[in-house]
């Protein structure tokens, strides 16, 4: 998943000038669809991590000498962490939607 700090974020001022940015994507709200674009990019990166994990697992099972067990295990863990983070975001969004729908008008 891509995380980014924009200049309007107060924490951006805490990042040293020499520190690399976490993402080179344009700030939210600029021709990328805003929130929807960020979600699509995040889901795409989680899907890519899961695809890479599956590819490495298959290569390991076929005893490909160019793929190491460590590389495969790291890819599996990255995919698992990304999926868990996505699941937590989804649960929070569903809870927020439920809270809004239950508000008295």
C-alpha atoms as a PDB file:
ATOM      1  CA  UNK A   1       0.000   0.000   0.000  1.00  0.00           C
ATOM      2  CA  UNK A   2       1.110   3.480  -0.718  1.00  0.00           C
ATOM      3  CA  UNK A   3       1.219   5.971   2.102  1.00  0.00           C
ATOM      4  CA  UNK A   4       2.031   9.581   1.469  1.00  0.00           C
ATOM      5  CA  UNK A   5       2.443  12.793   3.373  1.00  0.00           C
ATOM      6  CA  UNK A   6       1.229  15.899   1.648  1.00  0.00           C
ATOM      7  CA  UNK A   7       2.445  19.422   2.435  1.00  0.00           C
ATOM      8  CA  UNK A   8      -0.883  20.177   4.133  1.00  0.00           C
ATOM      9  CA  UNK A   9      -0.286  17.360   6.631  1.00  0.00           C
ATOM     10  CA  UNK A  10       1.225  18.716   9.886  1.00  0.00           C
ATOM     11  CA  UNK A  11       3.543  15.705  10.126  1.00  0.00           C
ATOM     12  CA  UNK A  12       5.132  16.605   6.774  1.00  0.00           C
ATOM     13  CA  UNK A  13       7.061  19.370   8.486  1.00  0.00           C
ATOM     14  CA  UNK A  14       8.657  16.812  10.812  1.00  0.00           C
ATOM     15  CA  UNK A  15      10.184  14.837   7.923  1.00  0.00           C
ATOM     16  CA  UNK A  16      13.825  15.784   7.306  1.00  0.00           C
ATOM     17  CA  UNK A  17      14.514  17.299   3.895  1.00  0.00           C
ATOM     18  CA  UNK A  18      16.840  14.406   3.035  1.00  0.00           C
ATOM     19  CA  UNK A  19      14.245  11.733   3.855  1.00  0.00           C
ATOM     20  CA  UNK A  20      12.620  10.135   0.811  1.00  0.00           C
ATOM     21  CA  UNK A  21       8.903  10.541   0.212  1.00  0.00           C
ATOM     22  CA  UNK A  22       6.822   7.436   0.701  1.00  0.00           C
ATOM     23  CA  UNK A  23       5.036   7.930  -2.618  1.00  0.00           C
ATOM     24  CA  UNK A  24       5.513   9.992  -5.745  1.00  0.00           C
ATOM     25  CA  UNK A  25       1.761  10.096  -6.414  1.00  0.00           C
ATOM     26  CA  UNK A  26       0.156  13.527  -6.766  1.00  0.00           C
ATOM     27  CA  UNK A  27      -1.603  14.963  -3.704  1.00  0.00           C
ATOM     28  CA  UNK A  28      -5.186  13.854  -3.106  1.00  0.00           C
ATOM     29  CA  UNK A  29      -7.774  15.725  -5.108  1.00  0.00           C
ATOM     30  CA  UNK A  30      -5.656  16.160  -8.241  1.00  0.00           C
ATOM     31  CA  UNK A  31      -6.925  14.282 -11.296  1.00  0.00           C
ATOM     32  CA  UNK A  32      -6.447  10.902  -9.600  1.00  0.00           C
ATOM     33  CA  UNK A  33      -9.999  10.651  -8.312  1.00  0.00           C
ATOM     34  CA  UNK A  34      -9.123  11.788  -4.781  1.00  0.00           C
ATOM     35  CA  UNK A  35     -10.144   9.269  -2.161  1.00  0.00           C
ATOM     36  CA  UNK A  36     -11.369   6.779  -4.738  1.00  0.00           C
ATOM     37  CA  UNK A  37      -8.041   6.950  -6.572  1.00  0.00           C
ATOM     38  CA  UNK A  38      -6.114   6.351  -3.363  1.00  0.00           C
ATOM     39  CA  UNK A  39      -8.285   3.328  -2.552  1.00  0.00           C
ATOM     40  CA  UNK A  40      -7.832   1.917  -6.054  1.00  0.00           C
ATOM     41  CA  UNK A  41      -4.068   2.346  -5.846  1.00  0.00           C
ATOM     42  CA  UNK A  42      -3.954   0.714  -2.414  1.00  0.00           C
ATOM     43  CA  UNK A  43      -6.077  -2.226  -3.518  1.00  0.00           C
ATOM     44  CA  UNK A  44      -3.964  -2.583  -6.647  1.00  0.00           C
ATOM     45  CA  UNK A  45      -0.753  -2.721  -4.653  1.00  0.00           C
ATOM     46  CA  UNK A  46      -2.224  -5.310  -2.253  1.00  0.00           C
ATOM     47  CA  UNK A  47      -3.367  -7.374  -5.229  1.00  0.00           C
ATOM     48  CA  UNK A  48       0.082  -7.101  -6.819  1.00  0.00           C
ATOM     49  CA  UNK A  49       1.734  -8.233  -3.573  1.00  0.00           C
ATOM     50  CA  UNK A  50      -0.589 -11.236  -3.404  1.00  0.00           C
ATOM     51  CA  UNK A  51       0.128 -12.071  -7.043  1.00  0.00           C
ATOM     52  CA  UNK A  52       3.884 -11.863  -6.464  1.00  0.00           C
ATOM     53  CA  UNK A  53       3.516 -14.038  -3.383  1.00  0.00           C
ATOM     54  CA  UNK A  54       1.610 -16.654  -5.364  1.00  0.00           C
ATOM     55  CA  UNK A  55       4.172 -16.574  -8.162  1.00  0.00           C
ATOM     56  CA  UNK A  56       7.044 -17.079  -5.732  1.00  0.00           C
ATOM     57  CA  UNK A  57       5.205 -19.896  -3.960  1.00  0.00           C
ATOM     58  CA  UNK A  58       4.654 -21.688  -7.242  1.00  0.00           C
ATOM     59  CA  UNK A  59       8.287 -21.192  -8.265  1.00  0.00           C
ATOM     60  CA  UNK A  60       9.401 -22.571  -4.894  1.00  0.00           C
ATOM     61  CA  UNK A  61       7.180 -25.627  -5.310  1.00  0.00           C
ATOM     62  CA  UNK A  62       8.651 -26.220  -8.766  1.00  0.00           C
ATOM     63  CA  UNK A  63      12.141 -26.016  -7.186  1.00  0.00           C
ATOM     64  CA  UNK A  64      13.244 -22.979  -9.178  1.00  0.00           C
ATOM     65  CA  UNK A  65      16.883 -22.357  -8.151  1.00  0.00           C
ATOM     66  CA  UNK A  66      16.525 -18.578  -8.586  1.00  0.00           C
ATOM     67  CA  UNK A  67      13.876 -18.293  -5.834  1.00  0.00           C
ATOM     68  CA  UNK A  68      14.912 -18.571  -2.199  1.00  0.00           C
ATOM     69  CA  UNK A  69      12.772 -19.660   0.709  1.00  0.00           C
ATOM     70  CA  UNK A  70      13.507 -16.390   2.525  1.00  0.00           C
ATOM     71  CA  UNK A  71      12.384 -14.322  -0.464  1.00  0.00           C
ATOM     72  CA  UNK A  72       9.182 -16.332  -0.680  1.00  0.00           C
ATOM     73  CA  UNK A  73       8.420 -16.040   3.035  1.00  0.00           C
ATOM     74  CA  UNK A  74       8.972 -12.265   3.003  1.00  0.00           C
ATOM     75  CA  UNK A  75       6.619 -11.904   0.011  1.00  0.00           C
ATOM     76  CA  UNK A  76       3.985 -14.002   1.797  1.00  0.00           C
ATOM     77  CA  UNK A  77       4.244 -11.857   4.933  1.00  0.00           C
ATOM     78  CA  UNK A  78       4.017  -8.619   2.916  1.00  0.00           C
ATOM     79  CA  UNK A  79       0.893  -9.886   1.173  1.00  0.00           C
ATOM     80  CA  UNK A  80      -0.631 -10.985   4.476  1.00  0.00           C
ATOM     81  CA  UNK A  81       0.063  -7.663   6.186  1.00  0.00           C
ATOM     82  CA  UNK A  82      -1.332  -5.735   3.224  1.00  0.00           C
ATOM     83  CA  UNK A  83      -4.481  -7.842   3.214  1.00  0.00           C
ATOM     84  CA  UNK A  84      -4.964  -7.410   6.967  1.00  0.00           C
ATOM     85  CA  UNK A  85      -4.542  -3.636   6.658  1.00  0.00           C
ATOM     86  CA  UNK A  86      -7.064  -3.563   3.818  1.00  0.00           C
ATOM     87  CA  UNK A  87      -9.491  -5.603   5.879  1.00  0.00           C
ATOM     88  CA  UNK A  88      -9.152  -3.206   8.835  1.00  0.00           C
ATOM     89  CA  UNK A  89      -9.762  -0.198   6.580  1.00  0.00           C
ATOM     90  CA  UNK A  90     -12.845  -1.871   5.134  1.00  0.00           C
ATOM     91  CA  UNK A  91     -14.176  -2.657   8.614  1.00  0.00           C
ATOM     92  CA  UNK A  92     -13.622   0.941   9.730  1.00  0.00           C
ATOM     93  CA  UNK A  93     -15.390   2.267   6.637  1.00  0.00           C
ATOM     94  CA  UNK A  94     -18.364  -0.039   7.190  1.00  0.00           C
ATOM     95  CA  UNK A  95     -18.528   1.022  10.840  1.00  0.00           C
ATOM     96  CA  UNK A  96     -18.400   4.709   9.867  1.00  0.00           C
ATOM     97  CA  UNK A  97     -21.177   4.168   7.316  1.00  0.00           C
ATOM     98  CA  UNK A  98     -23.276   2.373   9.930  1.00  0.00           C
ATOM     99  CA  UNK A  99     -22.707   5.177  12.455  1.00  0.00           C
ATOM    100  CA  UNK A 100     -23.743   7.819   9.908  1.00  0.00           C
ATOM    101  CA  UNK A 101     -26.842   5.885   8.917  1.00  0.00           C
ATOM    102  CA  UNK A 102     -27.878   5.546  12.583  1.00  0.00           C
ATOM    103  CA  UNK A 103     -27.564   9.281  13.288  1.00  0.00           C
ATOM    104  CA  UNK A 104     -30.722  11.134  14.219  1.00  0.00           C
ATOM    105  CA  UNK A 105     -31.648  13.837  11.741  1.00  0.00           C
END
